[in-house]
Amino acid sequence: MPAPSTEPQPPDSSSDFTAPADLGTPAPSRRPRRLLAAGTALLVAGAAAYGIYALTSENTPTKAPVPTAAVTYAVTGTGTADITYLATSEQGTATTEKAISLPWKKTVQVPLGKDPSVKVQLPQQGGEATCTLAIRDQHKQRATASGAYGRTTCTTSLDTARP
């Protein structure tokens, strides 16, 4: 039988020996996560503050005003009439005035590119009314309505090349 060996034997896995890899690593630091969260919160708060400033600041750029031209509408006759005319607005929307005593005259600003017009409708008792339209004090059109519920319209193109 062979003699027992006197050389030291490596420890077996059941021993209390702990290898350096098994010493455990320290818990990761939470400081970088906290800094990242704080930085993100500051960034979000700054963006929100700038957004509020931009929306409420008087220095915020606004759209350029729409160029307009002076248009004079006039309706002559006797009695009353309903009058609808194009007036100042970016959309160039119409305004209607009901049962207006004649004669009637109004100068308004009309957006360039919109066709100025004035429409006249007489009441049931009829009569006679004449509309005229002038742009920059230059006569452009005239039309007459007569009889019960008589209607007429004065309209023209507004030159977009000259304000």
N, C-alpha and C. Protein backbone atom coordinates (compact mmCIF):
# COMPACT_ATOMS: atom_id res chain seq x y z
N MET A 1 0.81 -1.16 0.00
CA MET A 1 0.00 0.00 0.00
C MET A 1 0.86 1.23 0.00
N PRO A 2 0.45 2.18 -0.71
CA PRO A 2 1.30 3.36 -0.77
C PRO A 2 1.21 4.13 0.52
N ALA A 3 2.25 4.85 0.77
CA ALA A 3 2.32 5.66 2.00
C ALA A 3 1.52 6.94 1.82
N PRO A 4 0.95 7.38 2.92
CA PRO A 4 0.17 8.61 2.81
C PRO A 4 1.08 9.78 2.47
N SER A 5 0.53 10.68 1.69
CA SER A 5 1.28 11.84 1.20
C SER A 5 1.31 12.91 2.27
N THR A 6 2.45 13.55 2.34
CA THR A 6 2.59 14.62 3.32
C THR A 6 2.48 16.00 2.67
N GLU A 7 2.24 16.01 1.40
CA GLU A 7 2.09 17.31 0.74
C GLU A 7 0.76 17.94 1.11
N PRO A 8 0.82 19.23 1.20
CA PRO A 8 -0.45 19.90 1.53
C PRO A 8 -1.44 19.73 0.39
N GLN A 9 -2.65 19.54 0.72
CA GLN A 9 -3.72 19.36 -0.26
C GLN A 9 -4.49 20.69 -0.40
N PRO A 10 -4.95 20.99 -1.61
CA PRO A 10 -5.78 22.21 -1.77
C PRO A 10 -7.07 22.05 -1.00
N PRO A 11 -7.56 23.13 -0.51
CA PRO A 11 -8.80 23.03 0.27
C PRO A 11 -9.94 22.58 -0.61
N ASP A 12 -10.84 21.85 -0.05
CA ASP A 12 -12.00 21.45 -0.84
C ASP A 12 -13.08 22.51 -0.74
N SER A 13 -14.07 22.37 -1.57
CA SER A 13 -15.10 23.41 -1.67
C SER A 13 -15.97 23.47 -0.44
N SER A 14 -15.88 22.49 0.41
CA SER A 14 -16.72 22.52 1.60
C SER A 14 -16.06 23.24 2.75
N SER A 15 -14.84 23.74 2.54
CA SER A 15 -14.15 24.39 3.64
C SER A 15 -14.66 25.82 3.83
N ASP A 16 -14.21 26.50 4.87
CA ASP A 16 -14.63 27.86 5.18
C ASP A 16 -13.82 28.90 4.42
N PHE A 17 -12.97 28.45 3.53
CA PHE A 17 -12.14 29.37 2.79
C PHE A 17 -12.99 30.16 1.81
N THR A 18 -12.80 31.50 1.72
CA THR A 18 -13.53 32.36 0.77
C THR A 18 -12.54 32.91 -0.21
N ALA A 19 -12.80 32.66 -1.50
CA ALA A 19 -11.93 33.16 -2.56
C ALA A 19 -12.12 34.66 -2.70
N PRO A 20 -11.09 35.37 -3.14
CA PRO A 20 -11.20 36.82 -3.29
C PRO A 20 -12.39 37.24 -4.14
N ALA A 21 -12.76 36.48 -5.16
CA ALA A 21 -13.91 36.84 -6.00
C ALA A 21 -15.20 36.76 -5.20
N ASP A 22 -15.21 36.01 -4.16
CA ASP A 22 -16.42 35.85 -3.38
C ASP A 22 -16.51 36.84 -2.23
N LEU A 23 -15.59 37.78 -2.14
CA LEU A 23 -15.60 38.71 -1.02
C LEU A 23 -16.77 39.67 -1.09
N GLY A 24 -17.42 39.74 -2.23
CA GLY A 24 -18.56 40.66 -2.36
C GLY A 24 -18.06 42.05 -2.70
N THR A 25 -18.78 42.73 -3.55
CA THR A 25 -18.40 44.08 -3.91
C THR A 25 -19.25 45.05 -3.12
N PRO A 26 -18.69 46.21 -2.85
CA PRO A 26 -19.50 47.17 -2.10
C PRO A 26 -20.74 47.56 -2.89
N ALA A 27 -21.78 47.93 -2.19
CA ALA A 27 -23.05 48.33 -2.83
C ALA A 27 -22.77 49.55 -3.71
N PRO A 28 -23.39 49.60 -4.89
CA PRO A 28 -23.15 50.74 -5.76
C PRO A 28 -23.59 52.03 -5.08
N SER A 29 -22.88 53.07 -5.36
CA SER A 29 -23.17 54.36 -4.75
C SER A 29 -24.48 54.90 -5.31
N ARG A 30 -25.30 55.49 -4.49
CA ARG A 30 -26.57 56.05 -4.94
C ARG A 30 -26.42 57.52 -5.31
N ARG A 31 -25.27 58.06 -5.08
CA ARG A 31 -25.04 59.48 -5.34
C ARG A 31 -25.21 59.82 -6.83
N PRO A 32 -24.62 59.05 -7.77
CA PRO A 32 -24.81 59.41 -9.19
C PRO A 32 -26.29 59.39 -9.59
N ARG A 33 -27.06 58.46 -9.06
CA ARG A 33 -28.50 58.40 -9.40
C ARG A 33 -29.22 59.63 -8.88
N ARG A 34 -28.87 60.06 -7.68
CA ARG A 34 -29.51 61.24 -7.10
C ARG A 34 -29.15 62.49 -7.90
N LEU A 35 -27.89 62.58 -8.31
CA LEU A 35 -27.47 63.73 -9.11
C LEU A 35 -28.19 63.75 -10.46
N LEU A 36 -28.33 62.59 -11.07
CA LEU A 36 -29.03 62.49 -12.34
C LEU A 36 -30.49 62.90 -12.18
N ALA A 37 -31.14 62.43 -11.13
CA ALA A 37 -32.54 62.78 -10.89
C ALA A 37 -32.69 64.28 -10.64
N ALA A 38 -31.78 64.85 -9.85
CA ALA A 38 -31.84 66.29 -9.56
C ALA A 38 -31.60 67.10 -10.83
N GLY A 39 -30.65 66.68 -11.64
CA GLY A 39 -30.37 67.38 -12.89
C GLY A 39 -31.55 67.32 -13.84
N THR A 40 -32.19 66.17 -13.94
CA THR A 40 -33.36 66.02 -14.79
C THR A 40 -34.48 66.92 -14.31
N ALA A 41 -34.71 66.96 -13.00
CA ALA A 41 -35.77 67.81 -12.45
C ALA A 41 -35.49 69.27 -12.75
N LEU A 42 -34.25 69.71 -12.62
CA LEU A 42 -33.90 71.10 -12.93
C LEU A 42 -34.11 71.41 -14.41
N LEU A 43 -33.75 70.48 -15.27
CA LEU A 43 -33.93 70.67 -16.70
C LEU A 43 -35.41 70.80 -17.05
N VAL A 44 -36.24 69.95 -16.51
CA VAL A 44 -37.68 70.00 -16.77
C VAL A 44 -38.27 71.31 -16.24
N ALA A 45 -37.87 71.72 -15.04
CA ALA A 45 -38.38 72.97 -14.46
C ALA A 45 -37.95 74.16 -15.31
N GLY A 46 -36.72 74.16 -15.77
CA GLY A 46 -36.23 75.25 -16.62
C GLY A 46 -36.98 75.33 -17.94
N ALA A 47 -37.23 74.19 -18.55
CA ALA A 47 -37.97 74.16 -19.81
C ALA A 47 -39.39 74.67 -19.61
N ALA A 48 -40.02 74.28 -18.51
CA ALA A 48 -41.38 74.75 -18.22
C ALA A 48 -41.40 76.25 -18.00
N ALA A 49 -40.44 76.76 -17.27
CA ALA A 49 -40.37 78.20 -17.01
C ALA A 49 -40.17 78.98 -18.31
N TYR A 50 -39.30 78.49 -19.18
CA TYR A 50 -39.08 79.16 -20.45
C TYR A 50 -40.35 79.12 -21.30
N GLY A 51 -41.05 78.00 -21.31
CA GLY A 51 -42.29 77.89 -22.07
C GLY A 51 -43.32 78.90 -21.60
N ILE A 52 -43.46 79.04 -20.31
CA ILE A 52 -44.41 80.01 -19.76
C ILE A 52 -43.98 81.43 -20.15
N TYR A 53 -42.69 81.71 -20.04
CA TYR A 53 -42.18 83.04 -20.42
C TYR A 53 -42.47 83.33 -21.90
N ALA A 54 -42.20 82.36 -22.75
CA ALA A 54 -42.38 82.56 -24.18
C ALA A 54 -43.84 82.80 -24.54
N LEU A 55 -44.74 82.12 -23.84
CA LEU A 55 -46.16 82.28 -24.14
C LEU A 55 -46.74 83.57 -23.60
N THR A 56 -46.17 84.11 -22.54
CA THR A 56 -46.75 85.29 -21.91
C THR A 56 -45.94 86.55 -22.12
N SER A 57 -44.79 86.46 -22.71
CA SER A 57 -43.91 87.61 -22.88
C SER A 57 -44.43 88.54 -23.97
N GLU A 58 -44.29 89.83 -23.74
CA GLU A 58 -44.66 90.81 -24.75
C GLU A 58 -43.62 90.85 -25.86
N ASN A 59 -42.47 90.26 -25.63
CA ASN A 59 -41.42 90.24 -26.64
C ASN A 59 -41.59 89.11 -27.63
N THR A 60 -42.62 88.30 -27.46
CA THR A 60 -42.86 87.20 -28.36
C THR A 60 -43.23 87.76 -29.74
N PRO A 61 -42.59 87.29 -30.79
CA PRO A 61 -42.91 87.81 -32.12
C PRO A 61 -44.37 87.57 -32.46
N THR A 62 -44.98 88.55 -33.09
CA THR A 62 -46.37 88.41 -33.51
C THR A 62 -46.43 88.44 -35.03
N LYS A 63 -47.55 87.99 -35.55
CA LYS A 63 -47.72 88.01 -36.99
C LYS A 63 -47.78 89.46 -37.46
N ALA A 64 -47.24 89.69 -38.63
CA ALA A 64 -47.30 91.03 -39.21
C ALA A 64 -48.77 91.35 -39.52
N PRO A 65 -49.16 92.61 -39.34
CA PRO A 65 -50.55 92.95 -39.64
C PRO A 65 -50.84 92.77 -41.12
N VAL A 66 -52.08 92.43 -41.40
CA VAL A 66 -52.51 92.23 -42.77
C VAL A 66 -52.68 93.61 -43.42
N PRO A 67 -52.04 93.84 -44.58
CA PRO A 67 -52.20 95.13 -45.24
C PRO A 67 -53.65 95.32 -45.71
N THR A 68 -54.12 96.55 -45.62
CA THR A 68 -55.51 96.85 -45.98
C THR A 68 -55.56 98.07 -46.89
N ALA A 69 -56.74 98.33 -47.43
CA ALA A 69 -56.99 99.52 -48.23
C ALA A 69 -58.31 100.13 -47.77
N ALA A 70 -58.41 101.46 -47.87
CA ALA A 70 -59.63 102.17 -47.48
C ALA A 70 -60.68 101.98 -48.56
N VAL A 71 -61.85 101.48 -48.14
CA VAL A 71 -62.97 101.26 -49.05
C VAL A 71 -64.17 102.03 -48.49
N THR A 72 -64.82 102.81 -49.36
CA THR A 72 -66.00 103.56 -48.94
C THR A 72 -67.23 102.96 -49.61
N TYR A 73 -68.18 102.56 -48.78
CA TYR A 73 -69.46 102.06 -49.25
C TYR A 73 -70.50 103.15 -49.01
N ALA A 74 -71.41 103.32 -49.94
CA ALA A 74 -72.50 104.29 -49.74
C ALA A 74 -73.77 103.69 -50.34
N VAL A 75 -74.89 103.92 -49.64
CA VAL A 75 -76.20 103.50 -50.13
C VAL A 75 -77.11 104.72 -50.03
N THR A 76 -77.66 105.14 -51.16
CA THR A 76 -78.58 106.27 -51.19
C THR A 76 -79.97 105.76 -51.50
N GLY A 77 -80.96 106.55 -51.17
CA GLY A 77 -82.35 106.20 -51.40
C GLY A 77 -83.18 106.73 -50.24
N THR A 78 -84.39 106.21 -50.11
CA THR A 78 -85.27 106.61 -49.02
C THR A 78 -85.74 105.37 -48.29
N GLY A 79 -86.17 105.55 -47.07
CA GLY A 79 -86.65 104.42 -46.28
C GLY A 79 -85.51 103.69 -45.60
N THR A 80 -85.64 102.35 -45.53
CA THR A 80 -84.63 101.53 -44.85
C THR A 80 -84.18 100.40 -45.76
N ALA A 81 -83.06 99.78 -45.36
CA ALA A 81 -82.54 98.62 -46.10
C ALA A 81 -81.63 97.83 -45.17
N ASP A 82 -81.49 96.54 -45.46
CA ASP A 82 -80.48 95.72 -44.80
C ASP A 82 -79.22 95.83 -45.65
N ILE A 83 -78.08 96.12 -44.98
CA ILE A 83 -76.83 96.34 -45.71
C ILE A 83 -75.77 95.39 -45.16
N THR A 84 -75.14 94.65 -46.06
CA THR A 84 -74.05 93.73 -45.70
C THR A 84 -72.80 94.18 -46.44
N TYR A 85 -71.68 94.32 -45.70
CA TYR A 85 -70.45 94.81 -46.32
C TYR A 85 -69.24 94.10 -45.73
N LEU A 86 -68.18 94.08 -46.51
CA LEU A 86 -66.91 93.50 -46.09
C LEU A 86 -66.12 94.56 -45.34
N ALA A 87 -65.57 94.19 -44.18
CA ALA A 87 -64.82 95.15 -43.37
C ALA A 87 -63.54 94.53 -42.83
N THR A 88 -62.84 95.27 -41.98
CA THR A 88 -61.55 94.88 -41.46
C THR A 88 -61.60 93.58 -40.68
N SER A 89 -60.76 92.65 -41.07
CA SER A 89 -60.46 91.42 -40.33
C SER A 89 -59.52 90.63 -41.21
N GLU A 90 -58.72 89.80 -40.58
CA GLU A 90 -57.79 88.99 -41.37
C GLU A 90 -58.54 88.05 -42.30
N GLN A 91 -59.71 87.61 -41.87
CA GLN A 91 -60.48 86.69 -42.69
C GLN A 91 -61.31 87.44 -43.72
N GLY A 92 -61.48 88.76 -43.54
CA GLY A 92 -62.30 89.53 -44.46
C GLY A 92 -63.76 89.15 -44.34
N THR A 93 -64.26 89.05 -43.11
CA THR A 93 -65.64 88.63 -42.90
C THR A 93 -66.61 89.79 -43.12
N ALA A 94 -67.83 89.45 -43.40
CA ALA A 94 -68.87 90.44 -43.68
C ALA A 94 -69.59 90.87 -42.41
N THR A 95 -70.09 92.11 -42.45
CA THR A 95 -70.90 92.66 -41.36
C THR A 95 -72.26 93.02 -41.94
N THR A 96 -73.32 92.69 -41.21
CA THR A 96 -74.67 93.04 -41.67
C THR A 96 -75.31 94.00 -40.69
N GLU A 97 -75.88 95.08 -41.23
CA GLU A 97 -76.65 96.03 -40.42
C GLU A 97 -78.08 95.97 -40.92
N LYS A 98 -79.03 95.77 -40.00
CA LYS A 98 -80.44 95.57 -40.35
C LYS A 98 -81.23 96.88 -40.23
N ALA A 99 -82.18 97.07 -41.14
CA ALA A 99 -83.13 98.18 -41.13
C ALA A 99 -82.44 99.53 -40.94
N ILE A 100 -81.42 99.79 -41.76
CA ILE A 100 -80.66 101.03 -41.69
C ILE A 100 -81.41 102.12 -42.45
N SER A 101 -81.54 103.28 -41.82
CA SER A 101 -82.17 104.43 -42.49
C SER A 101 -81.22 104.95 -43.56
N LEU A 102 -81.78 105.21 -44.76
CA LEU A 102 -80.98 105.71 -45.87
C LEU A 102 -81.06 107.24 -45.91
N PRO A 103 -80.04 107.92 -46.37
CA PRO A 103 -78.78 107.44 -46.93
C PRO A 103 -77.83 106.94 -45.84
N TRP A 104 -76.88 106.10 -46.26
CA TRP A 104 -75.91 105.49 -45.36
C TRP A 104 -74.55 105.50 -46.05
N LYS A 105 -73.49 105.73 -45.28
CA LYS A 105 -72.13 105.74 -45.84
C LYS A 105 -71.17 105.25 -44.78
N LYS A 106 -70.18 104.44 -45.18
CA LYS A 106 -69.18 103.94 -44.24
C LYS A 106 -67.88 103.70 -44.98
N THR A 107 -66.76 104.15 -44.37
CA THR A 107 -65.42 103.86 -44.88
C THR A 107 -64.77 102.88 -43.93
N VAL A 108 -64.26 101.78 -44.49
CA VAL A 108 -63.65 100.71 -43.68
C VAL A 108 -62.34 100.29 -44.33
N GLN A 109 -61.55 99.53 -43.59
CA GLN A 109 -60.33 98.94 -44.12
C GLN A 109 -60.63 97.50 -44.53
N VAL A 110 -60.25 97.14 -45.75
CA VAL A 110 -60.49 95.79 -46.27
C VAL A 110 -59.13 95.15 -46.55
N PRO A 111 -58.91 93.91 -46.11
CA PRO A 111 -57.63 93.24 -46.36
C PRO A 111 -57.33 93.12 -47.85
N LEU A 112 -56.09 93.42 -48.23
CA LEU A 112 -55.69 93.26 -49.63
C LEU A 112 -55.88 91.80 -50.02
N GLY A 113 -56.35 91.59 -51.23
CA GLY A 113 -56.61 90.24 -51.71
C GLY A 113 -58.06 89.81 -51.51
N LYS A 114 -58.83 90.56 -50.71
CA LYS A 114 -60.26 90.27 -50.54
C LYS A 114 -61.02 91.21 -51.46
N ASP A 115 -62.12 90.74 -52.02
CA ASP A 115 -62.94 91.58 -52.89
C ASP A 115 -63.95 92.35 -52.07
N PRO A 116 -63.83 93.68 -52.00
CA PRO A 116 -64.81 94.45 -51.24
C PRO A 116 -66.18 94.38 -51.91
N SER A 117 -67.21 94.32 -51.08
CA SER A 117 -68.56 94.30 -51.63
C SER A 117 -69.54 94.87 -50.62
N VAL A 118 -70.62 95.43 -51.14
CA VAL A 118 -71.73 95.89 -50.33
C VAL A 118 -73.01 95.37 -50.98
N LYS A 119 -73.85 94.74 -50.15
CA LYS A 119 -75.11 94.17 -50.65
C LYS A 119 -76.25 94.90 -49.98
N VAL A 120 -77.27 95.20 -50.76
CA VAL A 120 -78.42 95.94 -50.26
C VAL A 120 -79.68 95.11 -50.50
N GLN A 121 -80.52 95.00 -49.47
CA GLN A 121 -81.82 94.34 -49.63
C GLN A 121 -82.88 95.28 -49.07
N LEU A 122 -83.86 95.58 -49.92
CA LEU A 122 -84.97 96.44 -49.52
C LEU A 122 -86.01 95.63 -48.74
N PRO A 123 -86.82 96.30 -47.92
CA PRO A 123 -87.85 95.58 -47.16
C PRO A 123 -89.07 95.25 -48.04
N GLN A 124 -90.07 94.64 -47.45
CA GLN A 124 -91.28 94.22 -48.17
C GLN A 124 -91.98 95.41 -48.85
N GLN A 125 -92.01 96.57 -48.18
CA GLN A 125 -92.68 97.73 -48.78
C GLN A 125 -91.92 98.30 -49.98
N GLY A 126 -90.72 97.77 -50.24
CA GLY A 126 -89.96 98.13 -51.44
C GLY A 126 -89.33 99.50 -51.37
N GLY A 127 -89.18 100.10 -52.53
CA GLY A 127 -88.53 101.40 -52.65
C GLY A 127 -87.44 101.32 -53.69
N GLU A 128 -86.45 102.19 -53.54
CA GLU A 128 -85.32 102.20 -54.45
C GLU A 128 -84.08 102.59 -53.67
N ALA A 129 -82.98 101.89 -53.92
CA ALA A 129 -81.70 102.18 -53.25
C ALA A 129 -80.58 101.94 -54.24
N THR A 130 -79.57 102.80 -54.16
CA THR A 130 -78.40 102.69 -55.04
C THR A 130 -77.16 102.54 -54.17
N CYS A 131 -76.35 101.54 -54.47
CA CYS A 131 -75.08 101.36 -53.75
C CYS A 131 -73.95 101.86 -54.64
N THR A 132 -72.92 102.39 -53.99
CA THR A 132 -71.69 102.76 -54.69
C THR A 132 -70.52 102.25 -53.88
N LEU A 133 -69.42 102.02 -54.58
CA LEU A 133 -68.22 101.50 -53.93
C LEU A 133 -67.02 102.27 -54.48
N ALA A 134 -66.18 102.76 -53.56
CA ALA A 134 -64.96 103.47 -53.96
C ALA A 134 -63.78 102.89 -53.19
N ILE A 135 -62.65 102.76 -53.88
CA ILE A 135 -61.41 102.29 -53.25
C ILE A 135 -60.42 103.44 -53.30
N ARG A 136 -59.89 103.80 -52.13
CA ARG A 136 -58.94 104.91 -52.02
C ARG A 136 -59.49 106.15 -52.71
N ASP A 137 -60.75 106.42 -52.46
CA ASP A 137 -61.49 107.58 -52.99
C ASP A 137 -61.66 107.58 -54.51
N GLN A 138 -61.50 106.42 -55.14
CA GLN A 138 -61.74 106.31 -56.58
C GLN A 138 -62.98 105.45 -56.80
N HIS A 139 -63.99 106.02 -57.48
CA HIS A 139 -65.25 105.31 -57.74
C HIS A 139 -64.99 104.05 -58.56
N LYS A 140 -65.59 102.92 -58.12
CA LYS A 140 -65.40 101.65 -58.82
C LYS A 140 -66.69 101.06 -59.37
N GLN A 141 -67.81 101.18 -58.64
CA GLN A 141 -69.03 100.54 -59.12
C GLN A 141 -70.26 101.20 -58.52
N ARG A 142 -71.38 101.09 -59.26
CA ARG A 142 -72.69 101.57 -58.81
C ARG A 142 -73.74 100.58 -59.30
N ALA A 143 -74.76 100.34 -58.45
CA ALA A 143 -75.87 99.45 -58.84
C ALA A 143 -77.11 99.89 -58.08
N THR A 144 -78.30 99.57 -58.64
CA THR A 144 -79.56 100.02 -58.05
C THR A 144 -80.49 98.84 -57.84
N ALA A 145 -81.22 98.88 -56.71
CA ALA A 145 -82.26 97.89 -56.39
C ALA A 145 -83.59 98.64 -56.31
N SER A 146 -84.68 97.96 -56.70
CA SER A 146 -86.00 98.58 -56.57
C SER A 146 -87.06 97.52 -56.37
N GLY A 147 -88.20 97.95 -55.83
CA GLY A 147 -89.32 97.06 -55.61
C GLY A 147 -89.24 96.35 -54.28
N ALA A 148 -90.32 95.55 -54.00
CA ALA A 148 -90.40 94.78 -52.76
C ALA A 148 -89.27 93.75 -52.72
N TYR A 149 -88.56 93.74 -51.63
CA TYR A 149 -87.41 92.83 -51.43
C TYR A 149 -86.35 92.97 -52.52
N GLY A 150 -86.26 94.13 -53.14
CA GLY A 150 -85.24 94.36 -54.18
C GLY A 150 -83.84 94.18 -53.61
N ARG A 151 -82.96 93.65 -54.45
CA ARG A 151 -81.57 93.40 -54.02
C ARG A 151 -80.60 93.93 -55.08
N THR A 152 -79.43 94.32 -54.59
CA THR A 152 -78.33 94.68 -55.48
C THR A 152 -77.02 94.51 -54.75
N THR A 153 -75.96 94.40 -55.53
CA THR A 153 -74.61 94.24 -54.96
C THR A 153 -73.63 95.08 -55.76
N CYS A 154 -72.74 95.76 -55.04
CA CYS A 154 -71.60 96.44 -55.65
C CYS A 154 -70.35 95.71 -55.17
N THR A 155 -69.52 95.26 -56.12
CA THR A 155 -68.30 94.56 -55.75
C THR A 155 -67.22 94.84 -56.79
N THR A 156 -65.98 94.69 -56.41
CA THR A 156 -64.85 94.88 -57.31
C THR A 156 -63.65 94.15 -56.74
N SER A 157 -62.59 94.06 -57.55
CA SER A 157 -61.35 93.45 -57.07
C SER A 157 -60.51 94.50 -56.37
N LEU A 158 -59.85 94.12 -55.30
CA LEU A 158 -58.97 95.02 -54.57
C LEU A 158 -57.55 94.73 -55.03
N ASP A 159 -56.88 95.72 -55.60
CA ASP A 159 -55.52 95.58 -56.11
C ASP A 159 -54.59 95.22 -54.95
N THR A 160 -53.94 94.05 -55.05
CA THR A 160 -53.04 93.62 -53.97
C THR A 160 -51.66 94.21 -54.11
N ALA A 161 -51.35 94.85 -55.22
CA ALA A 161 -50.01 95.37 -55.43
C ALA A 161 -49.79 96.72 -54.74
N ARG A 162 -50.83 97.42 -54.43
CA ARG A 162 -50.67 98.77 -53.88
C ARG A 162 -51.50 98.92 -52.60
N PRO A 163 -50.86 99.16 -51.43
CA PRO A 163 -51.62 99.32 -50.20
C PRO A 163 -52.35 100.64 -50.12
